[in-house]
Amino acid sequence: MKRAWTTFYRVLKAGFVNFFRNLSLALPAISVMTVTLFTSLFLYIANATFSNTINQINNKISITVYLTDAITQPQLKDFQKQVKELANVKTVEYVSKDEALAIYKSENAGNQNLLQAVDETSNPLPASLNVTPYDINKIQDIKNFLNKKQFIKLQDPQLGTSYSGDRKQAIDRIAKATTVMREAGIGGIAIFALVSALIIFNTLKMAIFNRKDEITIMRLLGAKPWFIRGPFVVEAAMYGFISAIVSIGVIKVMFTIFSSSLQASSLGLLDIGYATKFFNDHFWILLLAQLVVGLMLGILFSIVATARYLKLRTSK
C-alpha cells in the first residue's frame, strides 16, 4: 500500500512539474479548453433563458372557441370537459356573454362610437372558451378535435375559433421560431464541443510527441504504460481545472457588467435579467459542473492520446 501511494505521489509530482516546465505548450491547450467551457456554459445559460422566454410566449397564446348562443348548459359542460381532457390542453377558461361585453367595453373605453354602437343593441358578443395549450407546436391537434362534426355545431357559425387566418399564421411562425431556437442552442453546444475536443486532442498529441524521447527511455527502463500516462493525465487535468475556473470567472464578470451597464433588461430574446439571476442562483452547481467537465475532458483525451501513441510505439 505504501509503495502504491509513493508511486501515485511520483506520478502526481511529475504531472505538476511537466505542467510548469511546459507552460508555453500548456497555455494554448488551456486557452482552447477555456473557450470550449465558456461557450458551452454561455450557450447552456442562453438556452435556459430562451426556454423561459418561450414558456412566457406559450402562456400568452391560446385558442378562443366562440360558442353559439343556442348552446345549452349540459352541452357546454360536456364540451368543456372533453376539451380539458385533451393531452395538450393546459387550461380551459369559460367567458360568458356578459363577461365578453365587459371586457370589450374595458378595452375600448376611449372609443365612444364603439361603446355607443354596443349599447344601442342587445349584447352581440358570443360566449367563448379560451383554451391554453402546453405546446404551441401541437395546436393543430386541438384544432382537429374542435373541427369534429359534433363540436362544430356548438360553435358560432361566423366566428368559429381564433386559430385561423392571420392569427394562425402568426402562431405557427412563433411555434417554428421557438423550435429553431431550442435546436440551435443544443446544436451549437454539440458542434463547438466536438471541434474543441479535436483541437484539445491534437494539442495533447503534440505534447506527447515533444516528449517521445523521454517516453522511449522510460519504456526501455521497464516503466508500465499507466506510469507513463499518469503525468500526462495529471497535466491535462490541470488544464481542465484552470480552464473551468477561468471560464466561469469570465461569465460572472460578463453578467455583472451586462446587468449593471445595460439600461434594458433584455438583449433581443436573451433576457439579461433572467440570465443573470439563473447564473447566480445556480452558481455553485455550474461551477461544479464546469470543474467536472473540464477534468473529464482533460483526462479523457489525455488517456486516448497517450494510449494511441504508446500503442504505435509498441507495434514497432
C-alpha atoms as a PDB file:
ATOM      1  CA  MET A   1       0.000   0.000   0.000  1.00  0.00           C
ATOM      2  CA  LYS A   2       2.841   2.375   0.917  1.00  0.00           C
ATOM      3  CA  ARG A   3       4.524   1.638  -2.399  1.00  0.00           C
ATOM      4  CA  ALA A   4       1.311   2.385  -4.286  1.00  0.00           C
ATOM      5  CA  TRP A   5       0.957   5.747  -2.554  1.00  0.00           C
ATOM      6  CA  THR A   6       4.616   6.518  -3.271  1.00  0.00           C
ATOM      7  CA  THR A   7       4.094   5.733  -6.966  1.00  0.00           C
ATOM      8  CA  PHE A   8       0.918   7.829  -7.046  1.00  0.00           C
ATOM      9  CA  TYR A   9       2.790  10.741  -5.447  1.00  0.00           C
ATOM     10  CA  ARG A  10       5.559  10.466  -8.050  1.00  0.00           C
ATOM     11  CA  VAL A  11       3.062  10.465 -10.900  1.00  0.00           C
ATOM     12  CA  LEU A  12       1.268  13.466  -9.397  1.00  0.00           C
ATOM     13  CA  LYS A  13       4.525  15.335  -8.859  1.00  0.00           C
ATOM     14  CA  ALA A  14       5.738  14.564 -12.388  1.00  0.00           C
ATOM     15  CA  GLY A  15       2.461  15.891 -13.773  1.00  0.00           C
ATOM     16  CA  PHE A  16       2.822  19.193 -11.900  1.00  0.00           C
ATOM     17  CA  VAL A  17       6.475  19.515 -12.897  1.00  0.00           C
ATOM     18  CA  ASN A  18       5.663  18.833 -16.554  1.00  0.00           C
ATOM     19  CA  PHE A  19       2.855  21.374 -16.439  1.00  0.00           C
ATOM     20  CA  PHE A  20       5.066  24.236 -15.262  1.00  0.00           C
ATOM     21  CA  ARG A  21       8.054  23.062 -17.322  1.00  0.00           C
ATOM     22  CA  ASN A  22       5.959  23.154 -20.489  1.00  0.00           C
ATOM     23  CA  LEU A  23       3.833  26.158 -19.610  1.00  0.00           C
ATOM     24  CA  SER A  24       4.241  27.636 -23.094  1.00  0.00           C
ATOM     25  CA  LEU A  25       2.700  24.479 -24.553  1.00  0.00           C
ATOM     26  CA  ALA A  26       0.048  24.349 -21.834  1.00  0.00           C
ATOM     27  CA  LEU A  27      -1.249  27.864 -22.454  1.00  0.00           C
ATOM     28  CA  PRO A  28      -2.719  27.126 -25.918  1.00  0.00           C
ATOM     29  CA  ALA A  29      -4.413  23.999 -24.567  1.00  0.00           C
ATOM     30  CA  ILE A  30      -5.814  25.918 -21.590  1.00  0.00           C
ATOM     31  CA  SER A  31      -6.989  28.703 -23.894  1.00  0.00           C
ATOM     32  CA  VAL A  32      -8.814  26.306 -26.205  1.00  0.00           C
ATOM     33  CA  MET A  33     -10.387  24.443 -23.306  1.00  0.00           C
ATOM     34  CA  THR A  34     -11.396  27.725 -21.652  1.00  0.00           C
ATOM     35  CA  VAL A  35     -13.132  28.845 -24.844  1.00  0.00           C
ATOM     36  CA  THR A  36     -14.853  25.450 -25.050  1.00  0.00           C
ATOM     37  CA  LEU A  37     -16.129  25.564 -21.472  1.00  0.00           C
ATOM     38  CA  PHE A  38     -17.034  29.259 -21.730  1.00  0.00           C
ATOM     39  CA  THR A  39     -19.031  28.749 -24.929  1.00  0.00           C
ATOM     40  CA  SER A  40     -20.752  25.633 -23.632  1.00  0.00           C
ATOM     41  CA  LEU A  41     -21.721  27.343 -20.360  1.00  0.00           C
ATOM     42  CA  PHE A  42     -22.882  30.502 -22.108  1.00  0.00           C
ATOM     43  CA  LEU A  43     -24.974  28.503 -24.591  1.00  0.00           C
ATOM     44  CA  TYR A  44     -26.433  26.488 -21.709  1.00  0.00           C
ATOM     45  CA  ILE A  45     -27.461  29.659 -19.862  1.00  0.00           C
ATOM     46  CA  ALA A  46     -28.735  31.198 -23.118  1.00  0.00           C
ATOM     47  CA  ASN A  47     -30.746  28.060 -23.854  1.00  0.00           C
ATOM     48  CA  ALA A  48     -32.277  28.158 -20.348  1.00  0.00           C
ATOM     49  CA  THR A  49     -33.104  31.840 -20.896  1.00  0.00           C
ATOM     50  CA  PHE A  50     -34.627  31.162 -24.318  1.00  0.00           C
ATOM     51  CA  SER A  51     -36.698  28.354 -22.789  1.00  0.00           C
ATOM     52  CA  ASN A  52     -38.011  30.782 -20.170  1.00  0.00           C
ATOM     53  CA  THR A  53     -38.867  33.293 -22.908  1.00  0.00           C
ATOM     54  CA  ILE A  54     -40.547  30.566 -24.945  1.00  0.00           C
ATOM     55  CA  ASN A  55     -42.611  29.475 -21.932  1.00  0.00           C
ATOM     56  CA  GLN A  56     -43.741  33.059 -21.407  1.00  0.00           C
ATOM     57  CA  ILE A  57     -44.761  33.252 -25.068  1.00  0.00           C
ATOM     58  CA  ASN A  58     -46.565  29.921 -24.810  1.00  0.00           C
ATOM     59  CA  ASN A  59     -48.516  31.104 -21.777  1.00  0.00           C
ATOM     60  CA  LYS A  60     -49.798  34.100 -23.745  1.00  0.00           C
ATOM     61  CA  ILE A  61     -51.010  32.072 -26.732  1.00  0.00           C
ATOM     62  CA  SER A  62     -54.433  30.495 -26.586  1.00  0.00           C
ATOM     63  CA  ILE A  63     -57.264  29.409 -28.857  1.00  0.00           C
ATOM     64  CA  THR A  64     -60.593  31.144 -28.410  1.00  0.00           C
ATOM     65  CA  VAL A  65     -63.591  28.975 -29.274  1.00  0.00           C
ATOM     66  CA  TYR A  66     -66.634  31.181 -29.918  1.00  0.00           C
ATOM     67  CA  LEU A  67     -69.835  29.446 -28.896  1.00  0.00           C
ATOM     68  CA  THR A  68     -73.259  29.664 -30.480  1.00  0.00           C
ATOM     69  CA  ASP A  69     -75.993  31.340 -28.435  1.00  0.00           C
ATOM     70  CA  ALA A  70     -78.091  28.202 -28.854  1.00  0.00           C
ATOM     71  CA  ILE A  71     -75.737  26.031 -26.779  1.00  0.00           C
ATOM     72  CA  THR A  72     -77.334  24.550 -23.656  1.00  0.00           C
ATOM     73  CA  GLN A  73     -75.714  24.225 -20.242  1.00  0.00           C
ATOM     74  CA  PRO A  74     -75.411  20.399 -20.458  1.00  0.00           C
ATOM     75  CA  GLN A  75     -73.808  20.723 -23.914  1.00  0.00           C
ATOM     76  CA  LEU A  76     -71.434  23.417 -22.619  1.00  0.00           C
ATOM     77  CA  LYS A  77     -70.343  21.374 -19.606  1.00  0.00           C
ATOM     78  CA  ASP A  78     -69.781  18.252 -21.698  1.00  0.00           C
ATOM     79  CA  PHE A  79     -67.889  20.191 -24.388  1.00  0.00           C
ATOM     80  CA  GLN A  80     -65.706  21.953 -21.808  1.00  0.00           C
ATOM     81  CA  LYS A  81     -64.976  18.643 -20.046  1.00  0.00           C
ATOM     82  CA  GLN A  82     -63.877  16.904 -23.256  1.00  0.00           C
ATOM     83  CA  VAL A  83     -61.618  19.814 -24.238  1.00  0.00           C
ATOM     84  CA  LYS A  84     -59.963  19.766 -20.792  1.00  0.00           C
ATOM     85  CA  GLU A  85     -59.193  16.066 -21.196  1.00  0.00           C
ATOM     86  CA  LEU A  86     -57.042  16.656 -24.294  1.00  0.00           C
ATOM     87  CA  ALA A  87     -53.366  15.858 -23.642  1.00  0.00           C
ATOM     88  CA  ASN A  88     -52.087  19.186 -24.954  1.00  0.00           C
ATOM     89  CA  VAL A  89     -54.618  21.372 -23.121  1.00  0.00           C
ATOM     90  CA  LYS A  90     -53.266  23.216 -20.105  1.00  0.00           C
ATOM     91  CA  THR A  91     -56.316  25.282 -19.097  1.00  0.00           C
ATOM     92  CA  VAL A  92     -59.841  25.956 -20.335  1.00  0.00           C
ATOM     93  CA  GLU A  93     -61.490  29.214 -19.270  1.00  0.00           C
ATOM     94  CA  TYR A  94     -65.174  29.934 -19.923  1.00  0.00           C
ATOM     95  CA  VAL A  95     -66.100  33.540 -20.752  1.00  0.00           C
ATOM     96  CA  SER A  96     -69.817  34.293 -20.681  1.00  0.00           C
ATOM     97  CA  LYS A  97     -71.576  36.795 -22.943  1.00  0.00           C
ATOM     98  CA  ASP A  98     -71.775  39.346 -20.131  1.00  0.00           C
ATOM     99  CA  GLU A  99     -68.076  38.924 -19.309  1.00  0.00           C
ATOM    100  CA  ALA A 100     -67.200  39.262 -23.005  1.00  0.00           C
ATOM    101  CA  LEU A 101     -69.164  42.520 -23.161  1.00  0.00           C
ATOM    102  CA  ALA A 102     -67.462  43.871 -20.041  1.00  0.00           C
ATOM    103  CA  ILE A 103     -64.032  43.035 -21.492  1.00  0.00           C
ATOM    104  CA  TYR A 104     -64.964  44.681 -24.799  1.00  0.00           C
ATOM    105  CA  LYS A 105     -66.059  47.893 -23.051  1.00  0.00           C
ATOM    106  CA  SER A 106     -62.902  47.948 -20.944  1.00  0.00           C
ATOM    107  CA  GLU A 107     -60.627  47.522 -23.976  1.00  0.00           C
ATOM    108  CA  ASN A 108     -62.482  50.227 -25.952  1.00  0.00           C
ATOM    109  CA  ALA A 109     -63.091  52.671 -23.121  1.00  0.00           C
ATOM    110  CA  GLY A 110     -61.647  55.542 -25.159  1.00  0.00           C
ATOM    111  CA  ASN A 111     -63.799  54.947 -28.249  1.00  0.00           C
ATOM    112  CA  GLN A 112     -67.243  56.356 -27.609  1.00  0.00           C
ATOM    113  CA  ASN A 113     -68.542  55.399 -31.052  1.00  0.00           C
ATOM    114  CA  LEU A 114     -67.907  51.699 -30.455  1.00  0.00           C
ATOM    115  CA  LEU A 115     -69.373  51.853 -26.965  1.00  0.00           C
ATOM    116  CA  GLN A 116     -72.478  53.623 -28.223  1.00  0.00           C
ATOM    117  CA  ALA A 117     -72.934  51.076 -31.013  1.00  0.00           C
ATOM    118  CA  VAL A 118     -72.862  48.237 -28.498  1.00  0.00           C
ATOM    119  CA  ASP A 119     -75.252  49.968 -26.104  1.00  0.00           C
ATOM    120  CA  GLU A 120     -77.811  50.509 -28.845  1.00  0.00           C
ATOM    121  CA  THR A 121     -78.201  46.756 -29.462  1.00  0.00           C
ATOM    122  CA  SER A 122     -78.578  43.681 -27.346  1.00  0.00           C
ATOM    123  CA  ASN A 123     -75.305  42.006 -26.437  1.00  0.00           C
ATOM    124  CA  PRO A 124     -73.896  40.840 -29.823  1.00  0.00           C
ATOM    125  CA  LEU A 125     -70.807  39.166 -28.386  1.00  0.00           C
ATOM    126  CA  PRO A 126     -70.761  35.366 -28.071  1.00  0.00           C
ATOM    127  CA  ALA A 127     -69.667  33.340 -25.080  1.00  0.00           C
ATOM    128  CA  SER A 128     -66.357  31.581 -25.576  1.00  0.00           C
ATOM    129  CA  LEU A 129     -63.800  29.094 -24.279  1.00  0.00           C
ATOM    130  CA  ASN A 130     -60.163  30.210 -24.005  1.00  0.00           C
ATOM    131  CA  VAL A 131     -58.005  27.115 -24.476  1.00  0.00           C
ATOM    132  CA  THR A 132     -54.332  27.356 -23.460  1.00  0.00           C
ATOM    133  CA  PRO A 133     -52.063  24.593 -24.862  1.00  0.00           C
ATOM    134  CA  TYR A 134     -48.947  23.121 -23.283  1.00  0.00           C
ATOM    135  CA  ASP A 135     -47.111  23.003 -26.623  1.00  0.00           C
ATOM    136  CA  ILE A 136     -47.940  25.549 -29.325  1.00  0.00           C
ATOM    137  CA  ASN A 137     -46.329  23.233 -31.878  1.00  0.00           C
ATOM    138  CA  LYS A 138     -49.275  20.860 -31.387  1.00  0.00           C
ATOM    139  CA  ILE A 139     -52.117  23.374 -31.579  1.00  0.00           C
ATOM    140  CA  GLN A 140     -53.332  21.768 -34.799  1.00  0.00           C
ATOM    141  CA  ASP A 141     -54.260  18.660 -32.781  1.00  0.00           C
ATOM    142  CA  ILE A 142     -56.647  20.784 -30.714  1.00  0.00           C
ATOM    143  CA  LYS A 143     -57.997  22.398 -33.866  1.00  0.00           C
ATOM    144  CA  ASN A 144     -58.649  18.972 -35.398  1.00  0.00           C
ATOM    145  CA  PHE A 145     -60.591  17.978 -32.284  1.00  0.00           C
ATOM    146  CA  LEU A 146     -62.690  21.156 -32.409  1.00  0.00           C
ATOM    147  CA  ASN A 147     -63.449  20.541 -36.091  1.00  0.00           C
ATOM    148  CA  LYS A 148     -65.318  17.324 -35.331  1.00  0.00           C
ATOM    149  CA  LYS A 149     -68.894  17.406 -36.541  1.00  0.00           C
ATOM    150  CA  GLN A 150     -70.484  17.181 -33.088  1.00  0.00           C
ATOM    151  CA  PHE A 151     -68.446  20.171 -31.876  1.00  0.00           C
ATOM    152  CA  ILE A 152     -68.738  22.369 -34.959  1.00  0.00           C
ATOM    153  CA  LYS A 153     -72.468  22.787 -34.322  1.00  0.00           C
ATOM    154  CA  LEU A 154     -71.702  24.186 -30.843  1.00  0.00           C
ATOM    155  CA  GLN A 155     -69.529  26.969 -32.275  1.00  0.00           C
ATOM    156  CA  ASP A 156     -70.563  30.318 -33.655  1.00  0.00           C
ATOM    157  CA  PRO A 157     -71.034  29.722 -37.426  1.00  0.00           C
ATOM    158  CA  GLN A 158     -69.368  33.027 -38.348  1.00  0.00           C
ATOM    159  CA  LEU A 159     -66.506  33.221 -35.854  1.00  0.00           C
ATOM    160  CA  GLY A 160     -65.643  29.575 -35.135  1.00  0.00           C
ATOM    161  CA  THR A 161     -62.201  29.655 -33.470  1.00  0.00           C
ATOM    162  CA  SER A 162     -59.434  32.258 -33.315  1.00  0.00           C
ATOM    163  CA  TYR A 163     -56.913  29.751 -34.729  1.00  0.00           C
ATOM    164  CA  SER A 164     -57.427  30.689 -38.355  1.00  0.00           C
ATOM    165  CA  GLY A 165     -56.279  33.205 -40.944  1.00  0.00           C
ATOM    166  CA  ASP A 166     -53.561  35.674 -39.967  1.00  0.00           C
ATOM    167  CA  ARG A 167     -53.620  34.629 -36.312  1.00  0.00           C
ATOM    168  CA  LYS A 168     -52.982  31.007 -37.295  1.00  0.00           C
ATOM    169  CA  GLN A 169     -50.022  32.057 -39.434  1.00  0.00           C
ATOM    170  CA  ALA A 170     -48.621  34.204 -36.598  1.00  0.00           C
ATOM    171  CA  ILE A 171     -48.925  31.365 -34.049  1.00  0.00           C
ATOM    172  CA  ASP A 172     -47.357  28.887 -36.474  1.00  0.00           C
ATOM    173  CA  ARG A 173     -44.423  31.254 -37.065  1.00  0.00           C
ATOM    174  CA  ILE A 174     -43.864  31.635 -33.307  1.00  0.00           C
ATOM    175  CA  ALA A 175     -44.020  27.859 -32.859  1.00  0.00           C
ATOM    176  CA  LYS A 176     -41.458  27.341 -35.619  1.00  0.00           C
ATOM    177  CA  ALA A 177     -39.180  30.059 -34.223  1.00  0.00           C
ATOM    178  CA  THR A 178     -39.208  28.551 -30.719  1.00  0.00           C
ATOM    179  CA  THR A 179     -38.323  25.122 -32.116  1.00  0.00           C
ATOM    180  CA  VAL A 180     -35.443  26.583 -34.137  1.00  0.00           C
ATOM    181  CA  MET A 181     -34.104  28.416 -31.061  1.00  0.00           C
ATOM    182  CA  ARG A 182     -34.056  25.241 -28.976  1.00  0.00           C
ATOM    183  CA  GLU A 183     -32.414  23.186 -31.713  1.00  0.00           C
ATOM    184  CA  ALA A 184     -29.866  25.923 -32.468  1.00  0.00           C
ATOM    185  CA  GLY A 185     -28.827  26.107 -28.805  1.00  0.00           C
ATOM    186  CA  ILE A 186     -28.372  22.345 -28.486  1.00  0.00           C
ATOM    187  CA  GLY A 187     -26.699  22.077 -31.887  1.00  0.00           C
ATOM    188  CA  GLY A 188     -24.329  24.942 -31.090  1.00  0.00           C
ATOM    189  CA  ILE A 189     -23.128  23.240 -27.905  1.00  0.00           C
ATOM    190  CA  ALA A 190     -22.638  19.893 -29.655  1.00  0.00           C
ATOM    191  CA  ILE A 191     -20.764  21.289 -32.674  1.00  0.00           C
ATOM    192  CA  PHE A 192     -18.470  23.570 -30.705  1.00  0.00           C
ATOM    193  CA  ALA A 193     -17.711  20.837 -28.156  1.00  0.00           C
ATOM    194  CA  LEU A 194     -16.747  18.461 -30.975  1.00  0.00           C
ATOM    195  CA  VAL A 195     -14.473  20.996 -32.706  1.00  0.00           C
ATOM    196  CA  SER A 196     -12.828  21.991 -29.428  1.00  0.00           C
ATOM    197  CA  ALA A 197     -12.341  18.350 -28.441  1.00  0.00           C
ATOM    198  CA  LEU A 198     -10.421  17.735 -31.672  1.00  0.00           C
ATOM    199  CA  ILE A 199      -8.212  20.776 -31.030  1.00  0.00           C
ATOM    200  CA  ILE A 200      -7.516  19.703 -27.442  1.00  0.00           C
ATOM    201  CA  PHE A 201      -6.754  16.169 -28.600  1.00  0.00           C
ATOM    202  CA  ASN A 202      -4.238  17.425 -31.160  1.00  0.00           C
ATOM    203  CA  THR A 203      -2.648  19.737 -28.573  1.00  0.00           C
ATOM    204  CA  LEU A 204      -2.129  16.826 -26.209  1.00  0.00           C
ATOM    205  CA  LYS A 205      -0.729  14.712 -29.028  1.00  0.00           C
ATOM    206  CA  MET A 206       1.790  17.467 -29.693  1.00  0.00           C
ATOM    207  CA  ALA A 207       2.829  17.475 -26.038  1.00  0.00           C
ATOM    208  CA  ILE A 208       3.333  13.715 -26.114  1.00  0.00           C
ATOM    209  CA  PHE A 209       5.252  13.881 -29.388  1.00  0.00           C
ATOM    210  CA  ASN A 210       7.594  16.541 -27.987  1.00  0.00           C
ATOM    211  CA  ARG A 211       8.462  14.149 -25.160  1.00  0.00           C
ATOM    212  CA  LYS A 212       8.797  10.992 -27.232  1.00  0.00           C
ATOM    213  CA  ASP A 213      12.474  10.542 -26.300  1.00  0.00           C
ATOM    214  CA  GLU A 214      11.604  10.741 -22.603  1.00  0.00           C
ATOM    215  CA  ILE A 215       8.808   8.191 -23.091  1.00  0.00           C
ATOM    216  CA  THR A 216      11.134   5.869 -25.034  1.00  0.00           C
ATOM    217  CA  ILE A 217      13.698   5.939 -22.226  1.00  0.00           C
ATOM    218  CA  MET A 218      11.003   5.198 -19.652  1.00  0.00           C
ATOM    219  CA  ARG A 219       9.814   2.227 -21.727  1.00  0.00           C
ATOM    220  CA  LEU A 220      13.388   0.901 -22.024  1.00  0.00           C
ATOM    221  CA  LEU A 221      13.742   1.145 -18.261  1.00  0.00           C
ATOM    222  CA  GLY A 222      10.631  -1.015 -17.856  1.00  0.00           C
ATOM    223  CA  ALA A 223       8.068   1.607 -16.880  1.00  0.00           C
ATOM    224  CA  LYS A 224       4.465   0.472 -17.139  1.00  0.00           C
ATOM    225  CA  PRO A 225       2.163   2.220 -19.648  1.00  0.00           C
ATOM    226  CA  TRP A 226      -0.051   3.579 -16.856  1.00  0.00           C
ATOM    227  CA  PHE A 227       3.003   5.114 -15.150  1.00  0.00           C
ATOM    228  CA  ILE A 228       3.941   6.827 -18.419  1.00  0.00           C
ATOM    229  CA  ARG A 229       0.390   8.044 -18.984  1.00  0.00           C
ATOM    230  CA  GLY A 230      -0.049   9.253 -15.410  1.00  0.00           C
ATOM    231  CA  PRO A 231       1.840  12.574 -15.614  1.00  0.00           C
ATOM    232  CA  PHE A 232       0.051  13.458 -18.877  1.00  0.00           C
ATOM    233  CA  VAL A 233      -3.316  12.727 -17.249  1.00  0.00           C
ATOM    234  CA  VAL A 234      -2.435  14.917 -14.256  1.00  0.00           C
ATOM    235  CA  GLU A 235      -1.168  17.661 -16.554  1.00  0.00           C
ATOM    236  CA  ALA A 236      -4.326  17.576 -18.680  1.00  0.00           C
ATOM    237  CA  ALA A 237      -6.476  17.526 -15.544  1.00  0.00           C
ATOM    238  CA  MET A 238      -4.807  20.778 -14.534  1.00  0.00           C
ATOM    239  CA  TYR A 239      -5.716  22.198 -17.957  1.00  0.00           C
ATOM    240  CA  GLY A 240      -9.335  21.378 -17.248  1.00  0.00           C
ATOM    241  CA  PHE A 241      -9.283  22.684 -13.670  1.00  0.00           C
ATOM    242  CA  ILE A 242      -7.740  26.039 -14.593  1.00  0.00           C
ATOM    243  CA  SER A 243      -9.956  26.380 -17.669  1.00  0.00           C
ATOM    244  CA  ALA A 244     -13.101  25.758 -15.612  1.00  0.00           C
ATOM    245  CA  ILE A 245     -12.168  28.424 -13.046  1.00  0.00           C
ATOM    246  CA  VAL A 246     -11.273  30.963 -15.744  1.00  0.00           C
ATOM    247  CA  SER A 247     -14.379  30.313 -17.871  1.00  0.00           C
ATOM    248  CA  ILE A 248     -16.884  30.663 -15.038  1.00  0.00           C
ATOM    249  CA  GLY A 249     -14.994  33.727 -13.768  1.00  0.00           C
ATOM    250  CA  VAL A 250     -15.298  35.383 -17.182  1.00  0.00           C
ATOM    251  CA  ILE A 251     -19.011  34.526 -17.317  1.00  0.00           C
ATOM    252  CA  LYS A 252     -19.558  36.040 -13.863  1.00  0.00           C
ATOM    253  CA  VAL A 253     -17.746  39.258 -14.786  1.00  0.00           C
ATOM    254  CA  MET A 254     -19.640  39.439 -18.086  1.00  0.00           C
ATOM    255  CA  PHE A 255     -23.066  39.112 -16.456  1.00  0.00           C
ATOM    256  CA  THR A 256     -22.089  41.589 -13.734  1.00  0.00           C
ATOM    257  CA  ILE A 257     -21.162  44.164 -16.385  1.00  0.00           C
ATOM    258  CA  PHE A 258     -24.249  43.443 -18.507  1.00  0.00           C
ATOM    259  CA  SER A 259     -26.693  43.653 -15.617  1.00  0.00           C
ATOM    260  CA  SER A 260     -25.248  46.959 -14.370  1.00  0.00           C
ATOM    261  CA  SER A 261     -24.492  48.701 -17.676  1.00  0.00           C
ATOM    262  CA  LEU A 262     -27.456  47.771 -19.903  1.00  0.00           C
ATOM    263  CA  GLN A 263     -30.448  50.013 -19.401  1.00  0.00           C
ATOM    264  CA  ALA A 264     -32.826  47.459 -20.901  1.00  0.00           C
ATOM    265  CA  SER A 265     -33.439  44.153 -19.171  1.00  0.00           C
ATOM    266  CA  SER A 266     -33.131  42.166 -22.350  1.00  0.00           C
ATOM    267  CA  LEU A 267     -30.862  41.835 -25.351  1.00  0.00           C
ATOM    268  CA  GLY A 268     -33.105  40.598 -28.143  1.00  0.00           C
ATOM    269  CA  LEU A 269     -34.571  37.304 -26.948  1.00  0.00           C
ATOM    270  CA  LEU A 270     -31.801  36.926 -24.349  1.00  0.00           C
ATOM    271  CA  ASP A 271     -33.302  38.326 -21.149  1.00  0.00           C
ATOM    272  CA  ILE A 272     -30.186  39.592 -19.349  1.00  0.00           C
ATOM    273  CA  GLY A 273     -32.070  39.966 -16.057  1.00  0.00           C
ATOM    274  CA  TYR A 274     -33.265  36.355 -16.094  1.00  0.00           C
ATOM    275  CA  ALA A 275     -29.893  35.046 -17.365  1.00  0.00           C
ATOM    276  CA  THR A 276     -28.043  36.833 -14.534  1.00  0.00           C
ATOM    277  CA  LYS A 277     -30.494  35.529 -11.927  1.00  0.00           C
ATOM    278  CA  PHE A 278     -30.265  31.996 -13.343  1.00  0.00           C
ATOM    279  CA  PHE A 279     -26.456  32.130 -13.213  1.00  0.00           C
ATOM    280  CA  ASN A 280     -26.354  33.493  -9.641  1.00  0.00           C
ATOM    281  CA  ASP A 281     -28.984  31.034  -8.383  1.00  0.00           C
ATOM    282  CA  HIS A 282     -27.126  28.050  -9.872  1.00  0.00           C
ATOM    283  CA  PHE A 283     -23.553  29.346  -9.438  1.00  0.00           C
ATOM    284  CA  TRP A 284     -22.175  26.517  -7.289  1.00  0.00           C
ATOM    285  CA  ILE A 285     -23.833  23.818  -9.375  1.00  0.00           C
ATOM    286  CA  LEU A 286     -22.490  25.401 -12.572  1.00  0.00           C
ATOM    287  CA  LEU A 287     -19.019  25.728 -11.027  1.00  0.00           C
ATOM    288  CA  LEU A 288     -19.043  22.066 -10.016  1.00  0.00           C
ATOM    289  CA  ALA A 289     -20.271  21.076 -13.486  1.00  0.00           C
ATOM    290  CA  GLN A 290     -17.520  23.135 -15.125  1.00  0.00           C
ATOM    291  CA  LEU A 291     -14.867  21.516 -12.956  1.00  0.00           C
ATOM    292  CA  VAL A 292     -16.178  18.019 -13.640  1.00  0.00           C
ATOM    293  CA  VAL A 293     -16.460  18.616 -17.403  1.00  0.00           C
ATOM    294  CA  GLY A 294     -13.040  20.276 -17.550  1.00  0.00           C
ATOM    295  CA  LEU A 295     -11.344  17.488 -15.620  1.00  0.00           C
ATOM    296  CA  MET A 296     -13.120  14.788 -17.608  1.00  0.00           C
ATOM    297  CA  LEU A 297     -12.198  16.390 -20.939  1.00  0.00           C
ATOM    298  CA  GLY A 298      -8.556  16.683 -19.965  1.00  0.00           C
ATOM    299  CA  ILE A 299      -8.327  13.184 -18.517  1.00  0.00           C
ATOM    300  CA  LEU A 300     -10.298  11.510 -21.310  1.00  0.00           C
ATOM    301  CA  PHE A 301      -8.366  12.991 -24.198  1.00  0.00           C
ATOM    302  CA  SER A 302      -5.007  12.558 -22.496  1.00  0.00           C
ATOM    303  CA  ILE A 303      -5.768   8.855 -21.984  1.00  0.00           C
ATOM    304  CA  VAL A 304      -6.866   8.478 -25.616  1.00  0.00           C
ATOM    305  CA  ALA A 305      -3.854  10.371 -26.952  1.00  0.00           C
ATOM    306  CA  THR A 306      -1.266   8.537 -24.823  1.00  0.00           C
ATOM    307  CA  ALA A 307      -2.867   5.149 -25.489  1.00  0.00           C
ATOM    308  CA  ARG A 308      -2.728   5.799 -29.211  1.00  0.00           C
ATOM    309  CA  TYR A 309       0.912   6.868 -29.086  1.00  0.00           C
ATOM    310  CA  LEU A 310       2.023   4.017 -26.814  1.00  0.00           C
ATOM    311  CA  LYS A 311       0.194   1.510 -28.990  1.00  0.00           C
ATOM    312  CA  LEU A 312       2.040   2.827 -32.033  1.00  0.00           C
ATOM    313  CA  ARG A 313       5.404   2.566 -30.246  1.00  0.00           C
ATOM    314  CA  THR A 314       4.680  -0.936 -29.001  1.00  0.00           C
ATOM    315  CA  SER A 315       3.871  -2.206 -32.500  1.00  0.00           C
ATOM    316  CA  LYS A 316       7.377  -1.434 -33.744  1.00  0.00           C
END
